[in-house]
Amino acid sequence: MPGNTDPIYSRIGDVSKDGTTGMGQLITAAANDYTGIGANNVLVWTSDATNGGYLQRVRLKAGGTNVASVMRFFINNGSTVGTATNNCFYGEISLPATTLSASVATVDLDYAFNIALPAGFRIYAGLGTAVAAGWAMTPIAGKY
């Protein structure tokens, strides 16, 4: 199937975390940086290698009891993430302290992107403070 030559709509939906470690992996270690080069930043989503893609939002869900923290998002141009000039700080969202419960849901947080990304571009994220149970991230996106 050829790619979308006029990308108004996505060719295919994509909710996979990063394609290599599976969906919904919990992030616990702090990266605590504004450049995107921190060793504990994790890959969240990769646009289509040929046609790019559209990232609508990233949903964050606590995996249990956590202290308050922040999640910072970076756009990477598809090159080495360890080089600061390949990354752009995009934004951040405050994460509340959470408590594991068998009868009360933890909060769902959505961070809106609503951006089209060129072919091969990636989104990375990192915590400001280490947490115990972790946070899962699910990108809601489409590939052209």
C-alpha atoms as a PDB file:
ATOM      1  CA  MET A   1       0.000   0.000   0.000  1.00  0.00           C
ATOM      2  CA  PRO A   2       1.573   3.320  -1.012  1.00  0.00           C
ATOM      3  CA  GLY A   3       1.974   6.031   1.580  1.00  0.00           C
ATOM      4  CA  ASN A   4      -0.413   8.930   1.832  1.00  0.00           C
ATOM      5  CA  THR A   5       0.796  11.425  -0.775  1.00  0.00           C
ATOM      6  CA  ASP A   6      -1.461  14.173   0.572  1.00  0.00           C
ATOM      7  CA  PRO A   7      -1.307  13.683   4.362  1.00  0.00           C
ATOM      8  CA  ILE A   8      -4.526  15.208   5.581  1.00  0.00           C
ATOM      9  CA  TYR A   9      -5.479  11.911   7.188  1.00  0.00           C
ATOM     10  CA  SER A  10      -3.270   9.202   8.617  1.00  0.00           C
ATOM     11  CA  ARG A  11      -2.698   6.097   6.506  1.00  0.00           C
ATOM     12  CA  ILE A  12      -2.719   3.905   9.605  1.00  0.00           C
ATOM     13  CA  GLY A  13      -3.358   4.477  13.303  1.00  0.00           C
ATOM     14  CA  ASP A  14      -0.477   3.943  15.711  1.00  0.00           C
ATOM     15  CA  VAL A  15      -0.718   3.486  19.472  1.00  0.00           C
ATOM     16  CA  SER A  16       2.476   1.496  20.017  1.00  0.00           C
ATOM     17  CA  LYS A  17       4.871   2.943  22.564  1.00  0.00           C
ATOM     18  CA  ASP A  18       8.078   2.661  20.602  1.00  0.00           C
ATOM     19  CA  GLY A  19       7.910  -0.543  18.617  1.00  0.00           C
ATOM     20  CA  THR A  20      10.722  -2.287  20.487  1.00  0.00           C
ATOM     21  CA  THR A  21       9.950  -2.621  24.201  1.00  0.00           C
ATOM     22  CA  GLY A  22       6.214  -3.104  23.932  1.00  0.00           C
ATOM     23  CA  MET A  23       3.279  -1.018  24.984  1.00  0.00           C
ATOM     24  CA  GLY A  24       2.816   0.547  28.395  1.00  0.00           C
ATOM     25  CA  GLN A  25       6.264   0.020  29.871  1.00  0.00           C
ATOM     26  CA  LEU A  26       6.563   1.841  33.195  1.00  0.00           C
ATOM     27  CA  ILE A  27       9.143   4.614  33.500  1.00  0.00           C
ATOM     28  CA  THR A  28      10.621   5.102  36.976  1.00  0.00           C
ATOM     29  CA  ALA A  29      14.104   6.658  36.647  1.00  0.00           C
ATOM     30  CA  ALA A  30      14.648  10.417  36.493  1.00  0.00           C
ATOM     31  CA  ALA A  31      16.324  12.051  33.506  1.00  0.00           C
ATOM     32  CA  ASN A  32      15.939  15.584  34.906  1.00  0.00           C
ATOM     33  CA  ASP A  33      17.186  17.546  31.909  1.00  0.00           C
ATOM     34  CA  TYR A  34      15.986  20.104  29.379  1.00  0.00           C
ATOM     35  CA  THR A  35      18.158  18.999  26.462  1.00  0.00           C
ATOM     36  CA  GLY A  36      16.844  15.489  25.807  1.00  0.00           C
ATOM     37  CA  ILE A  37      20.275  13.865  26.194  1.00  0.00           C
ATOM     38  CA  GLY A  38      19.655  12.399  29.680  1.00  0.00           C
ATOM     39  CA  ALA A  39      20.440   8.691  29.861  1.00  0.00           C
ATOM     40  CA  ASN A  40      17.024   7.957  31.381  1.00  0.00           C
ATOM     41  CA  ASN A  41      14.936   9.642  28.681  1.00  0.00           C
ATOM     42  CA  VAL A  42      12.892   7.044  26.821  1.00  0.00           C
ATOM     43  CA  LEU A  43      11.621   6.745  23.278  1.00  0.00           C
ATOM     44  CA  VAL A  44       7.869   7.353  23.166  1.00  0.00           C
ATOM     45  CA  TRP A  45       7.025   7.372  19.457  1.00  0.00           C
ATOM     46  CA  THR A  46       8.640   7.326  16.002  1.00  0.00           C
ATOM     47  CA  SER A  47       7.013   8.773  12.892  1.00  0.00           C
ATOM     48  CA  ASP A  48       6.879   6.724   9.687  1.00  0.00           C
ATOM     49  CA  ALA A  49      10.352   6.400   8.148  1.00  0.00           C
ATOM     50  CA  THR A  50       9.148   7.405   4.671  1.00  0.00           C
ATOM     51  CA  ASN A  51       6.136   9.690   5.066  1.00  0.00           C
ATOM     52  CA  GLY A  52       6.234  11.025   8.630  1.00  0.00           C
ATOM     53  CA  GLY A  53       3.247  11.044  10.935  1.00  0.00           C
ATOM     54  CA  TYR A  54       0.875  12.907  13.192  1.00  0.00           C
ATOM     55  CA  LEU A  55       1.048  12.738  16.988  1.00  0.00           C
ATOM     56  CA  GLN A  56      -2.227  13.773  18.566  1.00  0.00           C
ATOM     57  CA  ARG A  57      -1.408  13.177  22.232  1.00  0.00           C
ATOM     58  CA  VAL A  58       0.359  11.030  24.790  1.00  0.00           C
ATOM     59  CA  ARG A  59      -1.721   9.476  27.570  1.00  0.00           C
ATOM     60  CA  LEU A  60       0.039   9.030  30.918  1.00  0.00           C
ATOM     61  CA  LYS A  61      -1.132   6.568  33.562  1.00  0.00           C
ATOM     62  CA  ALA A  62       0.381   5.912  36.985  1.00  0.00           C
ATOM     63  CA  GLY A  63       1.409   2.328  37.654  1.00  0.00           C
ATOM     64  CA  GLY A  64       0.783   2.622  41.400  1.00  0.00           C
ATOM     65  CA  THR A  65       2.077   4.754  44.270  1.00  0.00           C
ATOM     66  CA  ASN A  66       4.362   7.571  43.114  1.00  0.00           C
ATOM     67  CA  VAL A  67       5.658  10.885  44.423  1.00  0.00           C
ATOM     68  CA  ALA A  68       4.834  14.012  42.418  1.00  0.00           C
ATOM     69  CA  SER A  69       7.072  14.589  39.415  1.00  0.00           C
ATOM     70  CA  VAL A  70       7.057  16.099  35.939  1.00  0.00           C
ATOM     71  CA  MET A  71       7.285  14.500  32.482  1.00  0.00           C
ATOM     72  CA  ARG A  72       9.285  16.436  29.884  1.00  0.00           C
ATOM     73  CA  PHE A  73       8.902  15.808  26.150  1.00  0.00           C
ATOM     74  CA  PHE A  74      11.505  16.289  23.415  1.00  0.00           C
ATOM     75  CA  ILE A  75      11.351  16.169  19.626  1.00  0.00           C
ATOM     76  CA  ASN A  76      14.336  14.400  18.084  1.00  0.00           C
ATOM     77  CA  ASN A  77      15.246  14.770  14.398  1.00  0.00           C
ATOM     78  CA  GLY A  78      15.879  11.035  13.983  1.00  0.00           C
ATOM     79  CA  SER A  79      19.601  11.288  14.666  1.00  0.00           C
ATOM     80  CA  THR A  80      21.609  10.473  17.799  1.00  0.00           C
ATOM     81  CA  VAL A  81      19.583  11.465  20.858  1.00  0.00           C
ATOM     82  CA  GLY A  82      22.822  11.979  22.836  1.00  0.00           C
ATOM     83  CA  THR A  83      23.612  15.115  20.822  1.00  0.00           C
ATOM     84  CA  ALA A  84      21.711  18.098  22.227  1.00  0.00           C
ATOM     85  CA  THR A  85      21.431  19.855  18.843  1.00  0.00           C
ATOM     86  CA  ASN A  86      19.362  16.908  17.529  1.00  0.00           C
ATOM     87  CA  ASN A  87      16.692  17.489  20.195  1.00  0.00           C
ATOM     88  CA  CYS A  88      14.170  20.214  20.869  1.00  0.00           C
ATOM     89  CA  PHE A  89      12.454  20.641  24.238  1.00  0.00           C
ATOM     90  CA  TYR A  90       8.738  20.561  23.436  1.00  0.00           C
ATOM     91  CA  GLY A  91       6.913  20.793  26.746  1.00  0.00           C
ATOM     92  CA  GLU A  92       6.152  19.257  30.113  1.00  0.00           C
ATOM     93  CA  ILE A  93       3.259  18.133  32.287  1.00  0.00           C
ATOM     94  CA  SER A  94       3.042  17.968  36.080  1.00  0.00           C
ATOM     95  CA  LEU A  95       2.451  14.489  37.451  1.00  0.00           C
ATOM     96  CA  PRO A  96       0.597  14.316  40.767  1.00  0.00           C
ATOM     97  CA  ALA A  97       1.482  12.069  43.668  1.00  0.00           C
ATOM     98  CA  THR A  98      -0.536   8.863  43.299  1.00  0.00           C
ATOM     99  CA  THR A  99      -1.581   6.079  45.635  1.00  0.00           C
ATOM    100  CA  LEU A 100      -2.252   2.495  44.605  1.00  0.00           C
ATOM    101  CA  SER A 101      -5.841   1.502  45.345  1.00  0.00           C
ATOM    102  CA  ALA A 102      -8.025  -1.489  44.599  1.00  0.00           C
ATOM    103  CA  SER A 103     -11.180   0.641  44.633  1.00  0.00           C
ATOM    104  CA  VAL A 104     -10.234   4.094  43.279  1.00  0.00           C
ATOM    105  CA  ALA A 105      -8.764   4.818  39.845  1.00  0.00           C
ATOM    106  CA  THR A 106      -5.586   6.812  39.458  1.00  0.00           C
ATOM    107  CA  VAL A 107      -5.763   9.865  37.229  1.00  0.00           C
ATOM    108  CA  ASP A 108      -5.397   9.651  33.430  1.00  0.00           C
ATOM    109  CA  LEU A 109      -3.401  12.563  32.012  1.00  0.00           C
ATOM    110  CA  ASP A 110      -3.285  13.530  28.345  1.00  0.00           C
ATOM    111  CA  TYR A 111      -0.507  15.726  26.982  1.00  0.00           C
ATOM    112  CA  ALA A 112      -1.654  17.243  23.674  1.00  0.00           C
ATOM    113  CA  PHE A 113       0.820  17.464  20.805  1.00  0.00           C
ATOM    114  CA  ASN A 114      -1.365  17.849  17.689  1.00  0.00           C
ATOM    115  CA  ILE A 115       1.662  18.115  15.421  1.00  0.00           C
ATOM    116  CA  ALA A 116       2.755  16.583  12.142  1.00  0.00           C
ATOM    117  CA  LEU A 117       6.298  15.240  12.257  1.00  0.00           C
ATOM    118  CA  PRO A 118       8.680  14.671   9.330  1.00  0.00           C
ATOM    119  CA  ALA A 119       9.844  11.209   8.330  1.00  0.00           C
ATOM    120  CA  GLY A 120      11.874   9.456  11.021  1.00  0.00           C
ATOM    121  CA  PHE A 121      11.408  12.090  13.721  1.00  0.00           C
ATOM    122  CA  ARG A 122      10.959  10.770  17.259  1.00  0.00           C
ATOM    123  CA  ILE A 123       9.461  11.829  20.580  1.00  0.00           C
ATOM    124  CA  TYR A 124      11.413  11.172  23.785  1.00  0.00           C
ATOM    125  CA  ALA A 125      10.322  11.800  27.375  1.00  0.00           C
ATOM    126  CA  GLY A 126      11.899  11.840  30.797  1.00  0.00           C
ATOM    127  CA  LEU A 127      10.856  12.206  34.407  1.00  0.00           C
ATOM    128  CA  GLY A 128      12.052  15.123  36.508  1.00  0.00           C
ATOM    129  CA  THR A 129      12.093  13.066  39.725  1.00  0.00           C
ATOM    130  CA  ALA A 130      12.413   9.311  40.133  1.00  0.00           C
ATOM    131  CA  VAL A 131       9.191   7.547  41.143  1.00  0.00           C
ATOM    132  CA  ALA A 132       8.535   4.151  42.743  1.00  0.00           C
ATOM    133  CA  ALA A 133       5.813   2.493  40.646  1.00  0.00           C
ATOM    134  CA  GLY A 134       6.316   4.383  37.385  1.00  0.00           C
ATOM    135  CA  TRP A 135       4.274   6.017  34.675  1.00  0.00           C
ATOM    136  CA  ALA A 136       3.114   4.371  31.444  1.00  0.00           C
ATOM    137  CA  MET A 137       2.858   6.446  28.265  1.00  0.00           C
ATOM    138  CA  THR A 138       0.670   5.597  25.288  1.00  0.00           C
ATOM    139  CA  PRO A 139       0.973   7.727  22.139  1.00  0.00           C
ATOM    140  CA  ILE A 140      -2.202   8.302  20.142  1.00  0.00           C
ATOM    141  CA  ALA A 141      -0.908   8.879  16.653  1.00  0.00           C
ATOM    142  CA  GLY A 142      -1.087   8.063  12.985  1.00  0.00           C
ATOM    143  CA  LYS A 143       1.466   7.371  10.281  1.00  0.00           C
ATOM    144  CA  TYR A 144       1.172   8.912   6.808  1.00  0.00           C
END
